[in-house]
Amino acid sequence: MSGYYDIDDILMEDEPISVVFQVTANGVGLLDPGAESNCVEKGAKVDLPFWLAHGLLSLEQAVSINPPPCFTQKTRKEIQADAACVDLRVRCPYFYELGCKIVPLYVFSLL
């Protein structure tokens, strides 16, 4: 159970997540290092902390999230082949916690 003062939960929510903007967002040009203006164009791919990506996804689905590199098909195949040899902490220090929080977002975005 996560708590407001749980340092592990705070650090987990700071993990970067790749998102694609579904709408043009004015006034948030600082989020996209490649933006020349103060807006992020529709279709721009930006890495955001999980907490911000979650908020933007909940906000009328302004973004769509891409799976983090630690949850790719390659990692899944390595775990299926020999789970004892896969060091998940190297791929993501909060692999399980982030997985538990990111799965509902994929289900939410498919609705």
PDB file of N, CA and C in Angstrom:
ATOM      1  N   MET A   1       0.839  -1.178   0.000  1.00  0.00           N
ATOM      2  CA  MET A   1       0.000   0.000   0.000  1.00  0.00           C
ATOM      3  C   MET A   1       0.876   1.230   0.000  1.00  0.00           C
ATOM      4  N   SER A   2       0.637   2.105  -0.910  1.00  0.00           N
ATOM      5  CA  SER A   2       1.439   3.317  -0.982  1.00  0.00           C
ATOM      6  C   SER A   2       0.836   4.387  -0.083  1.00  0.00           C
ATOM      7  N   GLY A   3       1.681   5.246   0.372  1.00  0.00           N
ATOM      8  CA  GLY A   3       1.241   6.335   1.225  1.00  0.00           C
ATOM      9  C   GLY A   3       1.771   7.654   0.689  1.00  0.00           C
ATOM     10  N   TYR A   4       1.217   8.706   1.200  1.00  0.00           N
ATOM     11  CA  TYR A   4       1.599  10.035   0.746  1.00  0.00           C
ATOM     12  C   TYR A   4       3.082  10.300   1.003  1.00  0.00           C
ATOM     13  N   TYR A   5       3.606   9.807   2.113  1.00  0.00           N
ATOM     14  CA  TYR A   5       4.997  10.056   2.476  1.00  0.00           C
ATOM     15  C   TYR A   5       5.922   8.896   2.122  1.00  0.00           C
ATOM     16  N   ASP A   6       5.456   7.940   1.363  1.00  0.00           N
ATOM     17  CA  ASP A   6       6.273   6.782   0.989  1.00  0.00           C
ATOM     18  C   ASP A   6       7.289   7.193  -0.070  1.00  0.00           C
ATOM     19  N   ILE A   7       8.562   7.190   0.281  1.00  0.00           N
ATOM     20  CA  ILE A   7       9.619   7.665  -0.624  1.00  0.00           C
ATOM     21  C   ILE A   7       9.731   6.764  -1.852  1.00  0.00           C
ATOM     22  N   ASP A   8       9.493   5.474  -1.693  1.00  0.00           N
ATOM     23  CA  ASP A   8       9.553   4.575  -2.847  1.00  0.00           C
ATOM     24  C   ASP A   8       8.452   4.895  -3.854  1.00  0.00           C
ATOM     25  N   ASP A   9       7.272   5.228  -3.363  1.00  0.00           N
ATOM     26  CA  ASP A   9       6.169   5.588  -4.253  1.00  0.00           C
ATOM     27  C   ASP A   9       6.472   6.899  -4.978  1.00  0.00           C
ATOM     28  N   ILE A  10       7.064   7.838  -4.275  1.00  0.00           N
ATOM     29  CA  ILE A  10       7.424   9.128  -4.887  1.00  0.00           C
ATOM     30  C   ILE A  10       8.463   8.916  -5.987  1.00  0.00           C
ATOM     31  N   LEU A  11       9.482   8.111  -5.707  1.00  0.00           N
ATOM     32  CA  LEU A  11      10.528   7.854  -6.703  1.00  0.00           C
ATOM     33  C   LEU A  11       9.995   7.054  -7.891  1.00  0.00           C
ATOM     34  N   MET A  12       9.089   6.108  -7.629  1.00  0.00           N
ATOM     35  CA  MET A  12       8.507   5.312  -8.705  1.00  0.00           C
ATOM     36  C   MET A  12       7.709   6.203  -9.650  1.00  0.00           C
ATOM     37  N   GLU A  13       6.955   7.139  -9.102  1.00  0.00           N
ATOM     38  CA  GLU A  13       6.136   8.003  -9.953  1.00  0.00           C
ATOM     39  C   GLU A  13       6.969   9.008 -10.741  1.00  0.00           C
ATOM     40  N   ASP A  14       8.257   9.085 -10.463  1.00  0.00           N
ATOM     41  CA  ASP A  14       9.144   9.973 -11.217  1.00  0.00           C
ATOM     42  C   ASP A  14       9.815   9.258 -12.388  1.00  0.00           C
ATOM     43  N   GLU A  15       9.528   7.961 -12.577  1.00  0.00           N
ATOM     44  CA  GLU A  15      10.090   7.216 -13.706  1.00  0.00           C
ATOM     45  C   GLU A  15       9.586   7.819 -15.019  1.00  0.00           C
ATOM     46  N   PRO A  16      10.471   8.000 -16.005  1.00  0.00           N
ATOM     47  CA  PRO A  16      10.033   8.600 -17.274  1.00  0.00           C
ATOM     48  C   PRO A  16       9.195   7.632 -18.116  1.00  0.00           C
ATOM     49  N   ILE A  17       8.139   8.176 -18.704  1.00  0.00           N
ATOM     50  CA  ILE A  17       7.230   7.437 -19.575  1.00  0.00           C
ATOM     51  C   ILE A  17       7.151   8.203 -20.894  1.00  0.00           C
ATOM     52  N   SER A  18       7.254   7.489 -21.995  1.00  0.00           N
ATOM     53  CA  SER A  18       7.152   8.114 -23.311  1.00  0.00           C
ATOM     54  C   SER A  18       5.676   8.274 -23.670  1.00  0.00           C
ATOM     55  N   VAL A  19       5.294   9.498 -24.028  1.00  0.00           N
ATOM     56  CA  VAL A  19       3.903   9.775 -24.407  1.00  0.00           C
ATOM     57  C   VAL A  19       3.872  10.451 -25.770  1.00  0.00           C
ATOM     58  N   VAL A  20       2.737  10.331 -26.441  1.00  0.00           N
ATOM     59  CA  VAL A  20       2.494  11.019 -27.710  1.00  0.00           C
ATOM     60  C   VAL A  20       1.293  11.921 -27.488  1.00  0.00           C
ATOM     61  N   PHE A  21       1.447  13.210 -27.747  1.00  0.00           N
ATOM     62  CA  PHE A  21       0.365  14.162 -27.555  1.00  0.00           C
ATOM     63  C   PHE A  21      -0.702  13.951 -28.624  1.00  0.00           C
ATOM     64  N   GLN A  22      -1.944  13.829 -28.206  1.00  0.00           N
ATOM     65  CA  GLN A  22      -3.078  13.642 -29.108  1.00  0.00           C
ATOM     66  C   GLN A  22      -3.711  14.966 -29.503  1.00  0.00           C
ATOM     67  N   VAL A  23      -3.344  16.024 -28.802  1.00  0.00           N
ATOM     68  CA  VAL A  23      -3.853  17.368 -29.064  1.00  0.00           C
ATOM     69  C   VAL A  23      -2.685  18.340 -29.008  1.00  0.00           C
ATOM     70  N   THR A  24      -2.858  19.508 -29.596  1.00  0.00           N
ATOM     71  CA  THR A  24      -1.854  20.561 -29.464  1.00  0.00           C
ATOM     72  C   THR A  24      -2.036  21.203 -28.098  1.00  0.00           C
ATOM     73  N   ALA A  25      -0.954  21.299 -27.339  1.00  0.00           N
ATOM     74  CA  ALA A  25      -1.014  21.848 -25.985  1.00  0.00           C
ATOM     75  C   ALA A  25      -0.274  23.180 -25.954  1.00  0.00           C
ATOM     76  N   ASN A  26      -0.998  24.254 -25.721  1.00  0.00           N
ATOM     77  CA  ASN A  26      -0.405  25.588 -25.652  1.00  0.00           C
ATOM     78  C   ASN A  26       0.114  25.867 -24.249  1.00  0.00           C
ATOM     79  N   GLY A  27       1.246  26.541 -24.168  1.00  0.00           N
ATOM     80  CA  GLY A  27       1.808  26.960 -22.887  1.00  0.00           C
ATOM     81  C   GLY A  27       2.624  25.915 -22.166  1.00  0.00           C
ATOM     82  N   VAL A  28       2.904  24.798 -22.795  1.00  0.00           N
ATOM     83  CA  VAL A  28       3.681  23.742 -22.145  1.00  0.00           C
ATOM     84  C   VAL A  28       4.917  23.383 -22.972  1.00  0.00           C
ATOM     85  N   GLY A  29       5.462  24.335 -23.679  1.00  0.00           N
ATOM     86  CA  GLY A  29       6.616  24.092 -24.537  1.00  0.00           C
ATOM     87  C   GLY A  29       7.841  23.620 -23.787  1.00  0.00           C
ATOM     88  N   LEU A  30       7.912  23.860 -22.478  1.00  0.00           N
ATOM     89  CA  LEU A  30       9.057  23.409 -21.691  1.00  0.00           C
ATOM     90  C   LEU A  30       9.115  21.889 -21.575  1.00  0.00           C
ATOM     91  N   LEU A  31       7.993  21.215 -21.780  1.00  0.00           N
ATOM     92  CA  LEU A  31       7.964  19.759 -21.699  1.00  0.00           C
ATOM     93  C   LEU A  31       8.699  19.102 -22.855  1.00  0.00           C
ATOM     94  N   ASP A  32       8.693  19.746 -24.010  1.00  0.00           N
ATOM     95  CA  ASP A  32       9.336  19.206 -25.201  1.00  0.00           C
ATOM     96  C   ASP A  32      10.638  19.958 -25.446  1.00  0.00           C
ATOM     97  N   PRO A  33      11.793  19.325 -25.227  1.00  0.00           N
ATOM     98  CA  PRO A  33      13.064  20.030 -25.417  1.00  0.00           C
ATOM     99  C   PRO A  33      13.287  20.491 -26.858  1.00  0.00           C
ATOM    100  N   GLY A  34      12.619  19.859 -27.815  1.00  0.00           N
ATOM    101  CA  GLY A  34      12.805  20.219 -29.213  1.00  0.00           C
ATOM    102  C   GLY A  34      11.825  21.277 -29.711  1.00  0.00           C
ATOM    103  N   ALA A  35      10.931  21.722 -28.841  1.00  0.00           N
ATOM    104  CA  ALA A  35       9.922  22.695 -29.263  1.00  0.00           C
ATOM    105  C   ALA A  35      10.554  24.074 -29.427  1.00  0.00           C
ATOM    106  N   GLU A  36      10.206  24.726 -30.517  1.00  0.00           N
ATOM    107  CA  GLU A  36      10.720  26.066 -30.772  1.00  0.00           C
ATOM    108  C   GLU A  36       9.784  27.139 -30.242  1.00  0.00           C
ATOM    109  N   SER A  37       8.554  26.773 -29.965  1.00  0.00           N
ATOM    110  CA  SER A  37       7.586  27.724 -29.417  1.00  0.00           C
ATOM    111  C   SER A  37       7.144  27.238 -28.038  1.00  0.00           C
ATOM    112  N   ASN A  38       6.156  27.906 -27.489  1.00  0.00           N
ATOM    113  CA  ASN A  38       5.679  27.556 -26.163  1.00  0.00           C
ATOM    114  C   ASN A  38       4.514  26.577 -26.227  1.00  0.00           C
ATOM    115  N   CYS A  39       4.429  25.791 -27.295  1.00  0.00           N
ATOM    116  CA  CYS A  39       3.377  24.787 -27.387  1.00  0.00           C
ATOM    117  C   CYS A  39       3.977  23.472 -27.887  1.00  0.00           C
ATOM    118  N   VAL A  40       3.279  22.389 -27.557  1.00  0.00           N
ATOM    119  CA  VAL A  40       3.664  21.060 -28.017  1.00  0.00           C
ATOM    120  C   VAL A  40       2.638  20.654 -29.062  1.00  0.00           C
ATOM    121  N   GLU A  41       3.107  20.347 -30.259  1.00  0.00           N
ATOM    122  CA  GLU A  41       2.220  20.026 -31.369  1.00  0.00           C
ATOM    123  C   GLU A  41       1.620  18.635 -31.223  1.00  0.00           C
ATOM    124  N   LYS A  42       0.501  18.422 -31.868  1.00  0.00           N
ATOM    125  CA  LYS A  42      -0.140  17.122 -31.897  1.00  0.00           C
ATOM    126  C   LYS A  42       0.800  16.123 -32.578  1.00  0.00           C
ATOM    127  N   GLY A  43       0.966  14.958 -31.982  1.00  0.00           N
ATOM    128  CA  GLY A  43       1.843  13.929 -32.523  1.00  0.00           C
ATOM    129  C   GLY A  43       3.263  13.983 -31.993  1.00  0.00           C
ATOM    130  N   ALA A  44       3.583  14.972 -31.163  1.00  0.00           N
ATOM    131  CA  ALA A  44       4.933  15.079 -30.605  1.00  0.00           C
ATOM    132  C   ALA A  44       5.146  13.989 -29.559  1.00  0.00           C
ATOM    133  N   LYS A  45       6.315  13.353 -29.617  1.00  0.00           N
ATOM    134  CA  LYS A  45       6.664  12.307 -28.663  1.00  0.00           C
ATOM    135  C   LYS A  45       7.581  12.918 -27.606  1.00  0.00           C
ATOM    136  N   VAL A  46       7.160  12.826 -26.331  1.00  0.00           N
ATOM    137  CA  VAL A  46       7.869  13.469 -25.229  1.00  0.00           C
ATOM    138  C   VAL A  46       7.981  12.484 -24.072  1.00  0.00           C
ATOM    139  N   ASP A  47       9.120  12.514 -23.368  1.00  0.00           N
ATOM    140  CA  ASP A  47       9.278  11.718 -22.153  1.00  0.00           C
ATOM    141  C   ASP A  47       8.859  12.567 -20.961  1.00  0.00           C
ATOM    142  N   LEU A  48       7.894  12.054 -20.196  1.00  0.00           N
ATOM    143  CA  LEU A  48       7.366  12.759 -19.032  1.00  0.00           C
ATOM    144  C   LEU A  48       7.443  11.847 -17.817  1.00  0.00           C
ATOM    145  N   PRO A  49       7.506  12.421 -16.610  1.00  0.00           N
ATOM    146  CA  PRO A  49       7.412  11.577 -15.424  1.00  0.00           C
ATOM    147  C   PRO A  49       6.039  10.895 -15.370  1.00  0.00           C
ATOM    148  N   PHE A  50       5.998   9.731 -14.754  1.00  0.00           N
ATOM    149  CA  PHE A  50       4.768   8.953 -14.719  1.00  0.00           C
ATOM    150  C   PHE A  50       3.601   9.753 -14.155  1.00  0.00           C
ATOM    151  N   TRP A  51       3.829  10.500 -13.088  1.00  0.00           N
ATOM    152  CA  TRP A  51       2.727  11.234 -12.454  1.00  0.00           C
ATOM    153  C   TRP A  51       2.108  12.249 -13.408  1.00  0.00           C
ATOM    154  N   LEU A  52       2.921  12.880 -14.241  1.00  0.00           N
ATOM    155  CA  LEU A  52       2.407  13.866 -15.186  1.00  0.00           C
ATOM    156  C   LEU A  52       1.715  13.182 -16.369  1.00  0.00           C
ATOM    157  N   ALA A  53       2.297  12.089 -16.850  1.00  0.00           N
ATOM    158  CA  ALA A  53       1.670  11.341 -17.948  1.00  0.00           C
ATOM    159  C   ALA A  53       0.313  10.802 -17.512  1.00  0.00           C
ATOM    160  N   HIS A  54       0.229  10.316 -16.289  1.00  0.00           N
ATOM    161  CA  HIS A  54      -1.035   9.812 -15.760  1.00  0.00           C
ATOM    162  C   HIS A  54      -2.074  10.930 -15.691  1.00  0.00           C
ATOM    163  N   GLY A  55      -1.666  12.100 -15.252  1.00  0.00           N
ATOM    164  CA  GLY A  55      -2.579  13.232 -15.172  1.00  0.00           C
ATOM    165  C   GLY A  55      -3.061  13.683 -16.538  1.00  0.00           C
ATOM    166  N   LEU A  56      -2.168  13.713 -17.520  1.00  0.00           N
ATOM    167  CA  LEU A  56      -2.562  14.130 -18.860  1.00  0.00           C
ATOM    168  C   LEU A  56      -3.436  13.084 -19.545  1.00  0.00           C
ATOM    169  N   LEU A  57      -3.213  11.820 -19.234  1.00  0.00           N
ATOM    170  CA  LEU A  57      -4.056  10.766 -19.803  1.00  0.00           C
ATOM    171  C   LEU A  57      -5.463  10.849 -19.223  1.00  0.00           C
ATOM    172  N   SER A  58      -5.548  11.136 -17.950  1.00  0.00           N
ATOM    173  CA  SER A  58      -6.858  11.251 -17.301  1.00  0.00           C
ATOM    174  C   SER A  58      -7.599  12.500 -17.766  1.00  0.00           C
ATOM    175  N   LEU A  59      -6.868  13.512 -18.199  1.00  0.00           N
ATOM    176  CA  LEU A  59      -7.453  14.779 -18.622  1.00  0.00           C
ATOM    177  C   LEU A  59      -7.890  14.670 -20.080  1.00  0.00           C
ATOM    178  N   GLU A  60      -9.051  14.095 -20.311  1.00  0.00           N
ATOM    179  CA  GLU A  60      -9.633  13.976 -21.647  1.00  0.00           C
ATOM    180  C   GLU A  60      -8.691  13.300 -22.648  1.00  0.00           C
ATOM    181  N   GLN A  61      -7.856  12.425 -22.161  1.00  0.00           N
ATOM    182  CA  GLN A  61      -6.903  11.667 -22.974  1.00  0.00           C
ATOM    183  C   GLN A  61      -6.105  12.574 -23.904  1.00  0.00           C
ATOM    184  N   ALA A  62      -5.440  13.566 -23.314  1.00  0.00           N
ATOM    185  CA  ALA A  62      -4.617  14.501 -24.073  1.00  0.00           C
ATOM    186  C   ALA A  62      -3.377  13.813 -24.640  1.00  0.00           C
ATOM    187  N   VAL A  63      -2.964  12.696 -24.036  1.00  0.00           N
ATOM    188  CA  VAL A  63      -1.789  11.961 -24.500  1.00  0.00           C
ATOM    189  C   VAL A  63      -2.130  10.476 -24.582  1.00  0.00           C
ATOM    190  N   SER A  64      -1.320   9.749 -25.345  1.00  0.00           N
ATOM    191  CA  SER A  64      -1.360   8.287 -25.299  1.00  0.00           C
ATOM    192  C   SER A  64       0.012   7.834 -24.825  1.00  0.00           C
ATOM    193  N   ILE A  65       0.027   6.815 -23.998  1.00  0.00           N
ATOM    194  CA  ILE A  65       1.293   6.374 -23.422  1.00  0.00           C
ATOM    195  C   ILE A  65       1.853   5.204 -24.220  1.00  0.00           C
ATOM    196  N   ASN A  66       3.166   5.178 -24.308  1.00  0.00           N
ATOM    197  CA  ASN A  66       3.882   4.059 -24.915  1.00  0.00           C
ATOM    198  C   ASN A  66       4.463   3.225 -23.786  1.00  0.00           C
ATOM    199  N   PRO A  67       4.564   1.918 -23.965  1.00  0.00           N
ATOM    200  CA  PRO A  67       5.123   1.110 -22.877  1.00  0.00           C
ATOM    201  C   PRO A  67       6.584   1.483 -22.625  1.00  0.00           C
ATOM    202  N   PRO A  68       6.977   1.579 -21.360  1.00  0.00           N
ATOM    203  CA  PRO A  68       8.382   1.859 -21.044  1.00  0.00           C
ATOM    204  C   PRO A  68       9.269   0.733 -21.560  1.00  0.00           C
ATOM    205  N   PRO A  69      10.538   1.010 -21.781  1.00  0.00           N
ATOM    206  CA  PRO A  69      11.446  -0.021 -22.305  1.00  0.00           C
ATOM    207  C   PRO A  69      11.528  -1.276 -21.441  1.00  0.00           C
ATOM    208  N   CYS A  70      11.282  -1.138 -20.144  1.00  0.00           N
ATOM    209  CA  CYS A  70      11.371  -2.321 -19.271  1.00  0.00           C
ATOM    210  C   CYS A  70      10.183  -3.259 -19.439  1.00  0.00           C
ATOM    211  N   PHE A  71       9.144  -2.848 -20.171  1.00  0.00           N
ATOM    212  CA  PHE A  71       7.970  -3.694 -20.385  1.00  0.00           C
ATOM    213  C   PHE A  71       7.807  -4.101 -21.848  1.00  0.00           C
ATOM    214  N   THR A  72       8.894  -4.203 -22.578  1.00  0.00           N
ATOM    215  CA  THR A  72       8.828  -4.559 -23.984  1.00  0.00           C
ATOM    216  C   THR A  72       8.673  -6.073 -24.166  1.00  0.00           C
ATOM    217  N   GLN A  73       8.428  -6.454 -25.381  1.00  0.00           N
ATOM    218  CA  GLN A  73       8.300  -7.876 -25.730  1.00  0.00           C
ATOM    219  C   GLN A  73       9.608  -8.615 -25.455  1.00  0.00           C
ATOM    220  N   LYS A  74      10.740  -7.956 -25.660  1.00  0.00           N
ATOM    221  CA  LYS A  74      12.041  -8.583 -25.424  1.00  0.00           C
ATOM    222  C   LYS A  74      12.187  -8.972 -23.956  1.00  0.00           C
ATOM    223  N   THR A  75      11.823  -8.068 -23.052  1.00  0.00           N
ATOM    224  CA  THR A  75      11.909  -8.362 -21.622  1.00  0.00           C
ATOM    225  C   THR A  75      10.970  -9.499 -21.258  1.00  0.00           C
ATOM    226  N   ARG A  76       9.768  -9.488 -21.818  1.00  0.00           N
ATOM    227  CA  ARG A  76       8.799 -10.544 -21.534  1.00  0.00           C
ATOM    228  C   ARG A  76       9.341 -11.909 -21.970  1.00  0.00           C
ATOM    229  N   LYS A  77       9.969 -11.973 -23.147  1.00  0.00           N
ATOM    230  CA  LYS A  77      10.529 -13.237 -23.620  1.00  0.00           C
ATOM    231  C   LYS A  77      11.678 -13.704 -22.737  1.00  0.00           C
ATOM    232  N   GLU A  78      12.508 -12.768 -22.266  1.00  0.00           N
ATOM    233  CA  GLU A  78      13.607 -13.142 -21.371  1.00  0.00           C
ATOM    234  C   GLU A  78      13.077 -13.700 -20.056  1.00  0.00           C
ATOM    235  N   ILE A  79      12.003 -13.117 -19.540  1.00  0.00           N
ATOM    236  CA  ILE A  79      11.417 -13.606 -18.292  1.00  0.00           C
ATOM    237  C   ILE A  79      10.812 -14.989 -18.501  1.00  0.00           C
ATOM    238  N   GLN A  80      10.160 -15.195 -19.629  1.00  0.00           N
ATOM    239  CA  GLN A  80       9.564 -16.505 -19.915  1.00  0.00           C
ATOM    240  C   GLN A  80      10.638 -17.565 -20.115  1.00  0.00           C
ATOM    241  N   ALA A  81      11.784 -17.187 -20.675  1.00  0.00           N
ATOM    242  CA  ALA A  81      12.848 -18.155 -20.927  1.00  0.00           C
ATOM    243  C   ALA A  81      13.507 -18.600 -19.623  1.00  0.00           C
ATOM    244  N   ASP A  82      13.927 -17.655 -18.803  1.00  0.00           N
ATOM    245  CA  ASP A  82      14.575 -18.000 -17.537  1.00  0.00           C
ATOM    246  C   ASP A  82      14.462 -16.809 -16.597  1.00  0.00           C
ATOM    247  N   ALA A  83      13.400 -16.790 -15.830  1.00  0.00           N
ATOM    248  CA  ALA A  83      13.108 -15.643 -14.957  1.00  0.00           C
ATOM    249  C   ALA A  83      14.183 -15.424 -13.898  1.00  0.00           C
ATOM    250  N   ALA A  84      14.872 -16.479 -13.476  1.00  0.00           N
ATOM    251  CA  ALA A  84      15.875 -16.346 -12.424  1.00  0.00           C
ATOM    252  C   ALA A  84      17.100 -15.564 -12.887  1.00  0.00           C
ATOM    253  N   CYS A  85      17.338 -15.492 -14.186  1.00  0.00           N
ATOM    254  CA  CYS A  85      18.529 -14.826 -14.712  1.00  0.00           C
ATOM    255  C   CYS A  85      18.289 -13.376 -15.127  1.00  0.00           C
ATOM    256  N   VAL A  86      17.059 -12.903 -15.062  1.00  0.00           N
ATOM    257  CA  VAL A  86      16.742 -11.553 -15.507  1.00  0.00           C
ATOM    258  C   VAL A  86      16.788 -10.612 -14.312  1.00  0.00           C
ATOM    259  N   ASP A  87      17.663  -9.619 -14.384  1.00  0.00           N
ATOM    260  CA  ASP A  87      17.775  -8.622 -13.317  1.00  0.00           C
ATOM    261  C   ASP A  87      16.857  -7.445 -13.656  1.00  0.00           C
ATOM    262  N   LEU A  88      15.665  -7.457 -13.094  1.00  0.00           N
ATOM    263  CA  LEU A  88      14.677  -6.425 -13.396  1.00  0.00           C
ATOM    264  C   LEU A  88      15.039  -5.082 -12.778  1.00  0.00           C
ATOM    265  N   ARG A  89      15.775  -5.089 -11.675  1.00  0.00           N
ATOM    266  CA  ARG A  89      16.149  -3.841 -11.009  1.00  0.00           C
ATOM    267  C   ARG A  89      17.057  -2.984 -11.899  1.00  0.00           C
ATOM    268  N   VAL A  90      17.831  -3.618 -12.769  1.00  0.00           N
ATOM    269  CA  VAL A  90      18.678  -2.868 -13.700  1.00  0.00           C
ATOM    270  C   VAL A  90      17.811  -2.158 -14.745  1.00  0.00           C
ATOM    271  N   ARG A  91      16.767  -2.809 -15.187  1.00  0.00           N
ATOM    272  CA  ARG A  91      15.890  -2.226 -16.209  1.00  0.00           C
ATOM    273  C   ARG A  91      15.024  -1.117 -15.654  1.00  0.00           C
ATOM    274  N   CYS A  92      14.500  -1.319 -14.446  1.00  0.00           N
ATOM    275  CA  CYS A  92      13.672  -0.315 -13.778  1.00  0.00           C
ATOM    276  C   CYS A  92      13.706  -0.618 -12.283  1.00  0.00           C
ATOM    277  N   PRO A  93      14.174   0.320 -11.470  1.00  0.00           N
ATOM    278  CA  PRO A  93      14.267   0.051 -10.034  1.00  0.00           C
ATOM    279  C   PRO A  93      12.919  -0.270  -9.383  1.00  0.00           C
ATOM    280  N   TYR A  94      11.832   0.169  -9.992  1.00  0.00           N
ATOM    281  CA  TYR A  94      10.499  -0.043  -9.433  1.00  0.00           C
ATOM    282  C   TYR A  94       9.636  -0.805 -10.449  1.00  0.00           C
ATOM    283  N   PHE A  95      10.169  -1.905 -10.965  1.00  0.00           N
ATOM    284  CA  PHE A  95       9.525  -2.669 -12.036  1.00  0.00           C
ATOM    285  C   PHE A  95       8.105  -3.088 -11.657  1.00  0.00           C
ATOM    286  N   TYR A  96       7.941  -3.736 -10.517  1.00  0.00           N
ATOM    287  CA  TYR A  96       6.630  -4.263 -10.136  1.00  0.00           C
ATOM    288  C   TYR A  96       5.659  -3.147  -9.771  1.00  0.00           C
ATOM    289  N   GLU A  97       6.119  -2.172  -9.013  1.00  0.00           N
ATOM    290  CA  GLU A  97       5.238  -1.081  -8.601  1.00  0.00           C
ATOM    291  C   GLU A  97       4.755  -0.280  -9.813  1.00  0.00           C
ATOM    292  N   LEU A  98       5.680   0.019 -10.730  1.00  0.00           N
ATOM    293  CA  LEU A  98       5.312   0.756 -11.938  1.00  0.00           C
ATOM    294  C   LEU A  98       4.378  -0.080 -12.806  1.00  0.00           C
ATOM    295  N   GLY A  99       4.638  -1.366 -12.890  1.00  0.00           N
ATOM    296  CA  GLY A  99       3.764  -2.246 -13.660  1.00  0.00           C
ATOM    297  C   GLY A  99       2.346  -2.262 -13.116  1.00  0.00           C
ATOM    298  N   CYS A 100       2.217  -2.291 -11.804  1.00  0.00           N
ATOM    299  CA  CYS A 100       0.882  -2.299 -11.193  1.00  0.00           C
ATOM    300  C   CYS A 100       0.139  -0.992 -11.447  1.00  0.00           C
ATOM    301  N   LYS A 101       0.862   0.102 -11.588  1.00  0.00           N
ATOM    302  CA  LYS A 101       0.206   1.389 -11.820  1.00  0.00           C
ATOM    303  C   LYS A 101      -0.027   1.667 -13.302  1.00  0.00           C
ATOM    304  N   ILE A 102       0.787   1.057 -14.173  1.00  0.00           N
ATOM    305  CA  ILE A 102       0.682   1.381 -15.599  1.00  0.00           C
ATOM    306  C   ILE A 102      -0.335   0.490 -16.322  1.00  0.00           C
ATOM    307  N   VAL A 103      -0.587  -0.717 -15.833  1.00  0.00           N
ATOM    308  CA  VAL A 103      -1.540  -1.616 -16.477  1.00  0.00           C
ATOM    309  C   VAL A 103      -2.942  -1.010 -16.551  1.00  0.00           C
ATOM    310  N   PRO A 104      -3.477  -0.421 -15.480  1.00  0.00           N
ATOM    311  CA  PRO A 104      -4.812   0.179 -15.607  1.00  0.00           C
ATOM    312  C   PRO A 104      -4.865   1.315 -16.632  1.00  0.00           C
ATOM    313  N   LEU A 105      -3.755   1.976 -16.868  1.00  0.00           N
ATOM    314  CA  LEU A 105      -3.737   3.054 -17.863  1.00  0.00           C
ATOM    315  C   LEU A 105      -3.918   2.509 -19.262  1.00  0.00           C
ATOM    316  N   TYR A 106      -3.365   1.347 -19.540  1.00  0.00           N
ATOM    317  CA  TYR A 106      -3.550   0.753 -20.856  1.00  0.00           C
ATOM    318  C   TYR A 106      -4.978   0.291 -21.037  1.00  0.00           C
ATOM    319  N   VAL A 107      -5.572  -0.265 -19.988  1.00  0.00           N
ATOM    320  CA  VAL A 107      -6.963  -0.685 -20.063  1.00  0.00           C
ATOM    321  C   VAL A 107      -7.849   0.553 -20.231  1.00  0.00           C
ATOM    322  N   PHE A 108      -7.531   1.632 -19.503  1.00  0.00           N
ATOM    323  CA  PHE A 108      -8.301   2.870 -19.586  1.00  0.00           C
ATOM    324  C   PHE A 108      -8.197   3.486 -20.968  1.00  0.00           C
ATOM    325  N   SER A 109      -6.999   3.438 -21.580  1.00  0.00           N
ATOM    326  CA  SER A 109      -6.818   4.054 -22.876  1.00  0.00           C
ATOM    327  C   SER A 109      -7.437   3.232 -24.008  1.00  0.00           C
ATOM    328  N   LEU A 110      -7.727   1.941 -23.773  1.00  0.00           N
ATOM    329  CA  LEU A 110      -8.343   1.110 -24.796  1.00  0.00           C
ATOM    330  C   LEU A 110      -9.864   1.277 -24.833  1.00  0.00           C
ATOM    331  N   LEU A 111     -10.449   1.839 -23.774  1.00  0.00           N
ATOM    332  CA  LEU A 111     -11.909   2.008 -23.729  1.00  0.00           C
ATOM    333  C   LEU A 111     -12.372   3.098 -24.639  1.00  0.00           C
TER     334      LEU A 111
END
